[in-house]
Amino acid sequence: MKIIVCMKQVPAGTKVDIDPETGSMKRLSGETRTNPYDLFALEAALQLREKLGGSVTVLTMGPPQAEEMMKDAYTMGADDAIILSDRKFAGADVLATSYALSQGIQAAGGADLIICGKQTTDGDTAQVGPAIAEHLGIPHAAWVAEIVDADQDSIQVRQDLVSVSQTSKIPYPCLITVDKDMCVPRLPSYILQKESQDRPVKIMTFDDMLDHNLSRYGLVGSPTAVERMFAPPEIEKQVYFEGDAQKKTEDLFNVLVKKKVI
């Protein structure tokens, strides 16, 4: 059983830099973290490997600094890690991102099962996983809340879809996107950290892709255009009032008037 888990680094806070010309986030600046939904995807993959055997490879597209995230995946139990990193991939929308990832999966030898987090906390489209499956021409199930069963031939999953719950049995190769809380991601292992500290993270570039049609990658291959993108306002700090009840009430009233709330 060969499992590939797609992961992504996302901004750790509200402070992000926006390229004024392209409207894209500058991935090389600011503090980042692993997309939370992807931790559930990795845990699901590791549990399936424990049951069925095989290997778990983590795959991401981004700058070389994503190596830190991939090293963290090693400490959780991943066997291999691949970063798709090339300026030709930059500025990609959902379509171009999913296409590059599908090409990376094929260049890596394919997979029996591909697992993605339901969505990312920066884009929130929840479309990249299903789009990867469409590019690869394989069946998929999104918003998976539970892996009911799995064997060497197929996987059975339960999807919670707004007003209905659906159970599907899908043959391999296939792709699923998993929701949060379907499992509890394990903590990094110190033993695995020591064992994997010299394990390399493979870097794949545009030259490694099977399709070299530039019109399908990056900003050039993105049919959607961002009209405006901006960083969300910083969360305001707490305000404390001192004094008796009347003074606190007056101070609160003044603050609300100043902010034009009342």
Protein backbone atom coordinates (compact mmCIF):
# COMPACT_ATOMS: atom_id res chain seq x y z
CA MET A 1 0.00 0.00 0.00
CA LYS A 2 1.52 3.28 -1.14
CA ILE A 3 -0.06 6.32 0.48
CA ILE A 4 0.69 9.95 -0.38
CA VAL A 5 -0.38 12.72 1.98
CA CYS A 6 -0.61 16.24 0.54
CA MET A 7 0.39 18.89 3.07
CA LYS A 8 0.85 22.66 3.05
CA GLN A 9 2.51 25.40 5.06
CA VAL A 10 0.14 28.22 5.94
CA PRO A 11 0.61 31.57 7.71
CA ALA A 12 0.76 31.13 11.48
CA GLY A 13 -0.98 34.45 12.19
CA THR A 14 -2.67 37.42 10.61
CA LYS A 15 0.56 39.14 9.59
CA VAL A 16 1.10 38.22 5.94
CA ASP A 17 2.77 40.04 3.05
CA ILE A 18 0.83 40.50 -0.18
CA ASP A 19 2.46 41.03 -3.55
CA PRO A 20 0.78 44.24 -4.81
CA GLU A 21 1.20 43.24 -8.47
CA THR A 22 -0.07 39.64 -8.41
CA GLY A 23 -2.26 39.73 -5.30
CA SER A 24 -0.55 36.54 -4.07
CA MET A 25 0.83 35.90 -0.64
CA LYS A 26 4.60 36.03 -0.29
CA ARG A 27 5.34 32.54 1.00
CA LEU A 28 8.95 33.31 1.86
CA SER A 29 8.05 35.87 4.51
CA GLY A 30 6.27 35.56 7.83
CA GLU A 31 5.89 32.78 10.35
CA THR A 32 4.32 29.56 9.10
CA ARG A 33 2.88 26.32 10.45
CA THR A 34 1.53 23.06 9.07
CA ASN A 35 -2.04 23.38 7.89
CA PRO A 36 -4.03 21.89 10.83
CA TYR A 37 -6.31 19.74 8.64
CA ASP A 38 -3.24 18.06 7.11
CA LEU A 39 -2.20 16.68 10.50
CA PHE A 40 -5.41 14.64 10.54
CA ALA A 41 -4.64 13.44 7.02
CA LEU A 42 -1.17 12.32 8.06
CA GLU A 43 -2.48 10.53 11.14
CA ALA A 44 -5.10 8.71 9.05
CA ALA A 45 -2.35 7.59 6.66
CA LEU A 46 -0.13 6.35 9.47
CA GLN A 47 -2.98 4.34 10.99
CA LEU A 48 -3.72 2.75 7.62
CA ARG A 49 -0.04 1.86 7.19
CA GLU A 50 -0.07 0.19 10.61
CA LYS A 51 -3.08 -1.87 9.54
CA LEU A 52 -2.21 -2.66 5.91
CA GLY A 53 1.54 -2.16 5.68
CA GLY A 54 3.23 -0.12 2.98
CA SER A 55 4.65 3.41 3.04
CA VAL A 56 3.57 6.98 3.69
CA THR A 57 5.02 9.82 1.61
CA VAL A 58 4.25 13.46 2.36
CA LEU A 59 4.08 15.86 -0.57
CA THR A 60 3.89 19.64 -0.64
CA MET A 61 4.33 22.46 -3.10
CA GLY A 62 6.14 25.55 -1.86
CA PRO A 63 9.51 27.17 -1.17
CA PRO A 64 12.48 25.15 0.17
CA GLN A 65 11.67 26.36 3.69
CA ALA A 66 8.88 23.76 3.68
CA GLU A 67 11.62 21.27 4.56
CA GLU A 68 11.04 22.09 8.21
CA MET A 69 7.43 20.91 7.94
CA MET A 70 8.54 17.75 6.17
CA LYS A 71 11.09 17.02 8.88
CA ASP A 72 8.26 17.35 11.40
CA ALA A 73 6.29 14.78 9.38
CA TYR A 74 9.27 12.42 9.70
CA THR A 75 9.10 12.73 13.49
CA MET A 76 5.46 11.65 13.34
CA GLY A 77 6.27 8.58 11.25
CA ALA A 78 6.28 9.50 7.55
CA ASP A 79 8.66 7.41 5.43
CA ASP A 80 9.50 9.87 2.64
CA ALA A 81 8.99 13.54 1.83
CA ILE A 82 8.86 15.49 -1.43
CA ILE A 83 8.72 19.24 -2.04
CA LEU A 84 7.64 20.62 -5.41
CA SER A 85 9.65 23.83 -5.54
CA ASP A 86 10.13 25.96 -8.61
CA ARG A 87 9.45 29.59 -9.50
CA LYS A 88 7.32 28.29 -12.36
CA PHE A 89 4.82 26.98 -9.78
CA ALA A 90 4.46 30.36 -8.02
CA GLY A 91 1.19 32.29 -7.96
CA ALA A 92 -0.92 29.21 -8.71
CA ASP A 93 -4.67 29.15 -8.07
CA VAL A 94 -6.65 25.99 -7.24
CA LEU A 95 -6.52 24.65 -10.81
CA ALA A 96 -2.78 25.16 -11.32
CA THR A 97 -1.91 24.02 -7.80
CA SER A 98 -3.88 20.79 -8.12
CA TYR A 99 -2.41 20.13 -11.55
CA ALA A 100 1.17 20.56 -10.32
CA LEU A 101 0.47 18.26 -7.37
CA SER A 102 -1.08 15.65 -9.66
CA GLN A 103 2.01 15.82 -11.85
CA GLY A 104 4.23 15.48 -8.78
CA ILE A 105 2.30 12.40 -7.68
CA GLN A 106 2.75 10.83 -11.10
CA ALA A 107 6.45 11.73 -11.18
CA ALA A 108 6.81 10.07 -7.76
CA GLY A 109 5.41 6.82 -9.15
CA GLY A 110 1.75 7.28 -8.28
CA ALA A 111 -0.10 6.05 -5.22
CA ASP A 112 -2.78 3.61 -4.17
CA LEU A 113 -4.34 6.17 -1.86
CA ILE A 114 -3.96 9.96 -1.69
CA ILE A 115 -5.11 11.73 1.47
CA CYS A 116 -5.57 15.49 1.83
CA GLY A 117 -6.88 17.68 4.58
CA LYS A 118 -10.40 18.94 3.88
CA GLN A 119 -9.15 22.49 3.29
CA THR A 120 -6.39 24.94 4.16
CA THR A 121 -6.71 27.77 6.63
CA ASP A 122 -5.35 30.34 4.17
CA GLY A 123 -7.37 29.53 1.04
CA ASP A 124 -10.40 27.70 2.51
CA THR A 125 -11.57 26.55 -0.94
CA ALA A 126 -11.64 22.82 -0.07
CA GLN A 127 -11.21 22.19 -3.80
CA VAL A 128 -7.55 21.19 -4.26
CA GLY A 129 -8.01 17.55 -3.16
CA PRO A 130 -10.97 16.79 -5.47
CA ALA A 131 -9.24 18.68 -8.30
CA ILE A 132 -6.14 16.47 -7.93
CA ALA A 133 -8.36 13.40 -8.30
CA GLU A 134 -9.99 14.85 -11.41
CA HIS A 135 -6.59 15.53 -13.00
CA LEU A 136 -5.53 11.96 -12.24
CA GLY A 137 -8.84 10.49 -13.39
CA ILE A 138 -9.43 8.58 -10.13
CA PRO A 139 -12.48 8.40 -7.80
CA HIS A 140 -12.54 10.52 -4.67
CA ALA A 141 -14.56 11.25 -1.55
CA ALA A 142 -14.44 14.64 0.15
CA TRP A 143 -15.27 15.68 3.73
CA VAL A 144 -14.54 12.23 5.14
CA ALA A 145 -15.48 12.09 8.82
CA GLU A 146 -14.52 8.45 9.40
CA ILE A 147 -12.59 5.64 7.74
CA VAL A 148 -14.95 2.77 8.38
CA ASP A 149 -12.76 0.00 6.96
CA ALA A 150 -9.91 -0.58 4.55
CA ASP A 151 -8.20 -3.55 2.93
CA GLN A 152 -5.75 -4.10 0.10
CA ASP A 153 -8.40 -3.50 -2.57
CA SER A 154 -10.59 -0.65 -1.36
CA ILE A 155 -11.42 1.81 1.40
CA GLN A 156 -14.81 2.43 3.00
CA VAL A 157 -15.48 5.92 4.33
CA ARG A 158 -18.28 7.93 5.91
CA GLN A 159 -18.87 11.47 4.66
CA ASP A 160 -20.84 14.08 6.60
CA LEU A 161 -22.33 16.29 3.88
CA VAL A 162 -24.29 19.18 5.39
CA SER A 163 -27.70 17.49 5.77
CA VAL A 164 -26.84 13.86 5.00
CA SER A 165 -24.32 11.22 6.00
CA GLN A 166 -23.07 8.91 3.26
CA THR A 167 -20.97 5.74 3.37
CA SER A 168 -18.97 4.84 0.26
CA LYS A 169 -16.69 1.97 -0.69
CA ILE A 170 -14.03 3.13 -3.14
CA PRO A 171 -11.50 0.96 -5.01
CA TYR A 172 -7.85 1.99 -5.28
CA PRO A 173 -6.34 4.13 -6.63
CA CYS A 174 -8.44 6.88 -5.09
CA LEU A 175 -8.28 10.11 -3.11
CA ILE A 176 -10.01 11.23 0.08
CA THR A 177 -10.05 14.53 1.94
CA VAL A 178 -10.49 14.24 5.69
CA ASP A 179 -12.23 16.51 8.14
CA LYS A 180 -10.83 17.53 11.51
CA ASP A 181 -11.46 15.43 14.61
CA MET A 182 -11.73 12.18 12.64
CA CYS A 183 -8.70 11.04 14.62
CA VAL A 184 -6.17 12.44 17.08
CA PRO A 185 -2.82 13.35 15.46
CA ARG A 186 0.07 11.76 17.31
CA LEU A 187 2.80 13.79 18.92
CA PRO A 188 6.26 13.94 17.33
CA SER A 189 8.56 11.17 18.52
CA TYR A 190 12.00 11.97 19.90
CA ILE A 191 13.23 8.55 18.77
CA LEU A 192 11.97 9.15 15.23
CA GLN A 193 13.51 12.60 15.30
CA LYS A 194 16.92 11.12 16.05
CA GLU A 195 16.48 8.36 13.47
CA SER A 196 15.35 10.74 10.70
CA GLN A 197 17.58 13.76 11.33
CA ASP A 198 19.80 12.84 8.38
CA ARG A 199 17.00 11.59 6.15
CA PRO A 200 16.83 13.79 3.03
CA VAL A 201 13.78 15.61 1.73
CA LYS A 202 13.52 15.25 -2.03
CA ILE A 203 13.14 18.44 -4.07
CA MET A 204 11.31 18.14 -7.39
CA THR A 205 11.25 20.98 -9.92
CA PHE A 206 9.39 21.75 -13.13
CA ASP A 207 11.96 19.67 -15.02
CA ASP A 208 10.84 16.57 -13.08
CA MET A 209 7.22 16.92 -14.18
CA LEU A 210 5.90 14.70 -16.95
CA ASP A 211 4.03 17.58 -18.60
CA HIS A 212 6.23 20.56 -19.54
CA ASN A 213 3.42 22.74 -20.83
CA LEU A 214 4.05 25.99 -18.94
CA SER A 215 0.51 27.20 -19.57
CA ARG A 216 -0.77 24.74 -16.95
CA TYR A 217 1.41 25.85 -14.05
CA GLY A 218 1.76 28.80 -11.72
CA LEU A 219 0.33 32.23 -12.39
CA VAL A 220 0.25 31.61 -16.16
CA GLY A 221 -1.86 28.48 -15.69
CA SER A 222 -4.30 30.11 -13.28
CA PRO A 223 -7.58 31.13 -14.96
CA THR A 224 -8.86 32.92 -11.87
CA ALA A 225 -7.66 36.44 -11.13
CA VAL A 226 -7.51 38.07 -7.72
CA GLU A 227 -9.15 41.49 -7.83
CA ARG A 228 -7.98 42.42 -4.35
CA MET A 229 -6.24 40.64 -1.51
CA PHE A 230 -5.32 42.07 1.86
CA ALA A 231 -4.18 40.95 5.27
CA PRO A 232 -6.91 40.78 7.91
CA PRO A 233 -6.72 43.44 10.61
CA GLU A 234 -4.79 42.57 13.70
CA ILE A 235 -6.84 41.39 16.64
CA GLU A 236 -7.16 44.24 19.09
CA LYS A 237 -5.77 43.83 22.55
CA GLN A 238 -8.02 43.55 25.57
CA VAL A 239 -9.04 46.75 27.30
CA TYR A 240 -9.25 46.86 31.09
CA PHE A 241 -11.30 49.39 33.02
CA GLU A 242 -10.55 50.42 36.56
CA GLY A 243 -12.61 52.17 39.20
CA ASP A 244 -16.11 51.73 40.53
CA ALA A 245 -19.08 50.54 38.49
CA GLN A 246 -20.09 54.02 37.37
CA LYS A 247 -16.59 54.91 36.13
CA LYS A 248 -16.21 51.59 34.32
CA THR A 249 -19.58 52.14 32.65
CA GLU A 250 -18.61 55.62 31.53
CA ASP A 251 -15.24 54.42 30.18
CA LEU A 252 -16.89 51.58 28.29
CA PHE A 253 -19.47 53.97 26.83
CA ASN A 254 -16.72 56.33 25.65
CA VAL A 255 -14.83 53.48 23.97
CA LEU A 256 -17.96 52.30 22.15
CA VAL A 257 -18.73 55.83 20.99
CA LYS A 258 -15.15 56.29 19.76
CA LYS A 259 -15.38 53.08 17.76
CA LYS A 260 -18.79 54.17 16.43
CA VAL A 261 -20.44 51.04 17.79
CA ILE A 262 -23.18 53.17 19.32
